[in-house]
Protein backbone atom coordinates (compact mmCIF):
# COMPACT_ATOMS: atom_id res chain seq x y z
CA MET A 1 5.51 -58.53 -15.35
CA PRO A 2 7.10 -58.75 -12.02
CA THR A 3 6.01 -57.10 -9.02
CA SER A 4 8.65 -54.30 -9.66
CA ALA A 5 7.64 -53.26 -12.87
CA GLN A 6 4.05 -53.14 -11.67
CA SER A 7 4.55 -51.15 -8.86
CA GLN A 8 7.11 -48.46 -10.60
CA THR A 9 4.08 -48.87 -13.23
CA VAL A 10 1.94 -47.39 -10.07
CA ALA A 11 4.23 -45.15 -9.06
CA SER A 12 4.72 -43.47 -12.58
CA ILE A 13 0.63 -43.18 -12.40
CA ALA A 14 0.71 -41.60 -9.17
CA THR A 15 3.29 -39.05 -9.93
CA LEU A 16 1.43 -38.08 -12.95
CA LEU A 17 -2.17 -37.22 -11.28
CA GLY A 18 0.39 -35.29 -8.61
CA VAL A 19 1.51 -33.39 -11.11
CA ALA A 20 -1.86 -32.61 -12.48
CA PHE A 21 -3.46 -31.87 -9.41
CA ILE A 22 -0.27 -29.32 -8.06
CA TRP A 23 -1.00 -27.71 -11.47
CA ILE A 24 -4.69 -27.35 -11.38
CA PHE A 25 -5.16 -26.64 -8.12
CA SER A 26 -2.24 -24.21 -6.66
CA PRO A 27 -1.91 -26.32 -3.41
CA PRO A 28 0.25 -24.81 -0.49
CA PHE A 29 3.77 -25.08 -0.46
CA PHE A 30 4.37 -28.11 1.49
CA VAL A 31 2.15 -30.26 -0.10
CA THR A 32 4.07 -29.33 -3.34
CA ALA A 33 7.67 -30.03 -1.26
CA ILE A 34 6.39 -33.54 0.09
CA PHE A 35 5.36 -34.11 -3.56
CA MET A 36 8.58 -33.62 -4.51
CA VAL A 37 10.73 -35.46 -1.92
CA LEU A 38 8.17 -38.42 -2.39
CA CYS A 39 8.71 -38.41 -6.54
CA VAL A 40 12.97 -38.06 -5.37
CA ALA A 41 12.17 -40.97 -3.34
CA TRP A 42 11.01 -42.71 -6.11
CA SER A 43 14.03 -42.37 -8.59
CA ALA A 44 16.43 -43.15 -6.15
CA TRP A 45 14.49 -46.56 -5.85
CA ILE A 46 14.24 -46.92 -9.34
CA PHE A 47 18.14 -46.13 -9.59
CA ILE A 48 19.14 -48.69 -6.52
CA SER A 49 16.99 -51.25 -8.03
CA ILE A 50 19.20 -51.82 -10.60
CA PHE A 51 22.00 -52.37 -8.32
CA ARG A 52 20.52 -54.28 -6.26
CA GLY A 53 19.52 -57.94 -5.47
CA THR A 54 20.05 -60.57 -7.62
CA ASP A 55 17.22 -60.49 -9.87
CA GLU A 56 19.02 -60.17 -13.25
CA LEU A 57 16.52 -59.83 -15.86
CA LYS A 58 15.04 -56.96 -13.77
CA SER A 59 18.34 -55.40 -13.29
CA ALA A 60 18.92 -55.59 -16.96
CA GLY A 61 15.47 -54.02 -17.55
CA VAL A 62 16.20 -51.00 -15.47
CA ARG A 63 19.51 -50.77 -17.22
CA TYR A 64 17.94 -50.86 -20.83
CA GLY A 65 15.46 -48.16 -19.42
CA LEU A 66 17.70 -46.16 -18.20
CA ALA A 67 20.06 -46.55 -21.98
CA MET A 68 17.11 -45.25 -23.74
CA ALA A 69 15.85 -42.42 -21.71
CA SER A 70 19.46 -41.14 -22.13
CA GLY A 71 19.78 -42.21 -25.60
CA VAL A 72 16.34 -41.19 -26.78
CA GLY A 73 14.70 -39.15 -24.30
CA VAL A 74 17.35 -36.62 -23.59
CA PRO A 75 17.25 -35.65 -27.22
CA LEU A 76 14.11 -36.05 -27.85
CA SER A 77 12.98 -33.14 -25.14
CA LEU A 78 15.99 -31.24 -26.70
CA ALA A 79 14.18 -31.22 -29.70
CA PHE A 80 10.77 -30.46 -27.97
CA VAL A 81 12.26 -27.48 -26.09
CA ALA A 82 13.62 -26.35 -29.30
CA LEU A 83 10.73 -26.41 -31.00
CA MET A 84 9.00 -24.50 -27.96
CA ILE A 85 11.03 -21.67 -28.27
CA ALA A 86 10.48 -21.70 -32.30
CA THR A 87 7.01 -21.88 -32.18
CA PRO A 88 5.57 -18.49 -31.01
CA GLY A 89 1.99 -20.13 -30.60
CA VAL A 90 3.42 -22.47 -27.71
CA GLN A 91 5.40 -19.90 -26.04
CA GLY A 92 2.04 -17.52 -26.14
CA ALA A 93 0.11 -20.38 -24.56
CA ILE A 94 3.57 -20.75 -21.51
CA THR A 95 2.93 -17.13 -21.30
CA ASN A 96 -0.86 -17.43 -20.66
CA ILE A 97 -0.42 -20.50 -18.21
CA ALA A 98 2.49 -18.10 -16.46
CA ALA A 99 0.04 -15.37 -15.97
CA LEU A 100 -2.96 -17.47 -14.52
CA SER A 101 -0.78 -18.89 -12.09
CA LYS A 102 -1.78 -18.03 -8.64
CA SER A 103 1.38 -18.37 -7.16
CA GLY A 104 3.18 -15.46 -6.86
CA LEU A 105 6.26 -16.82 -9.17
CA SER A 106 7.59 -14.52 -12.24
CA PRO A 107 6.11 -15.38 -15.67
CA PRO A 108 9.98 -16.40 -16.48
CA ALA A 109 10.19 -18.56 -13.22
CA ILE A 110 6.99 -20.12 -14.23
CA GLY A 111 7.55 -21.14 -17.40
CA PHE A 112 11.17 -22.52 -16.44
CA GLY A 113 9.17 -24.78 -14.05
CA LEU A 114 6.54 -25.87 -16.39
CA GLY A 115 9.87 -26.52 -19.10
CA VAL A 116 11.43 -28.62 -16.08
CA THR A 117 8.26 -30.75 -15.79
CA PHE A 118 7.87 -31.58 -19.03
CA THR A 119 11.53 -32.58 -19.71
CA VAL A 120 10.70 -35.21 -16.75
CA VAL A 121 7.45 -36.26 -17.98
CA VAL A 122 9.54 -37.22 -21.18
CA LEU A 123 12.12 -38.88 -19.64
CA CYS A 124 10.21 -40.96 -17.15
CA ALA A 125 7.41 -42.06 -20.35
CA VAL A 126 10.85 -43.02 -22.26
CA PHE A 127 11.98 -44.76 -19.67
CA ALA A 128 8.50 -46.92 -18.76
CA ALA A 129 8.32 -47.37 -22.78
CA GLY A 130 11.86 -48.78 -22.52
CA ASN A 131 11.57 -51.04 -19.70
CA TRP A 132 8.49 -52.02 -21.49
CA VAL A 133 10.14 -52.96 -24.31
CA TRP A 134 12.92 -54.56 -23.07
CA TRP A 135 10.48 -57.14 -20.84
CA VAL A 136 8.23 -57.42 -24.20
CA SER A 137 11.11 -58.63 -26.32
CA LYS A 138 12.64 -61.05 -23.83
CA ARG A 139 9.64 -62.70 -23.36
């Protein structure tokens, strides 16, 4: 696995741990804002890495991962959201999580945030899987 893929894997793990930390401990707003800025910077870095440099293998792997995230991850996310809407048990769990929150936001806002977070996690996971599949198929 090339160095860029290793650093992207480390950044993915750090993002998942950060989301878990924010979800569990409800830190102050500035901690959440800093984490969001780092996530946006990581996303921009991945996007820029497609067009930067002469490493054609890395660019092709990232392009394949993005194509898989948009072609498989988006429909998968939409299917999960439809399943969440249609399943009363999942709606009750989201409502309970929103009721336990100490952020001061309304339950619909917290539910929306959970949905966005879930969608981003699914897209990142499908991107990582697509990038991995491309590298495995070319080795």
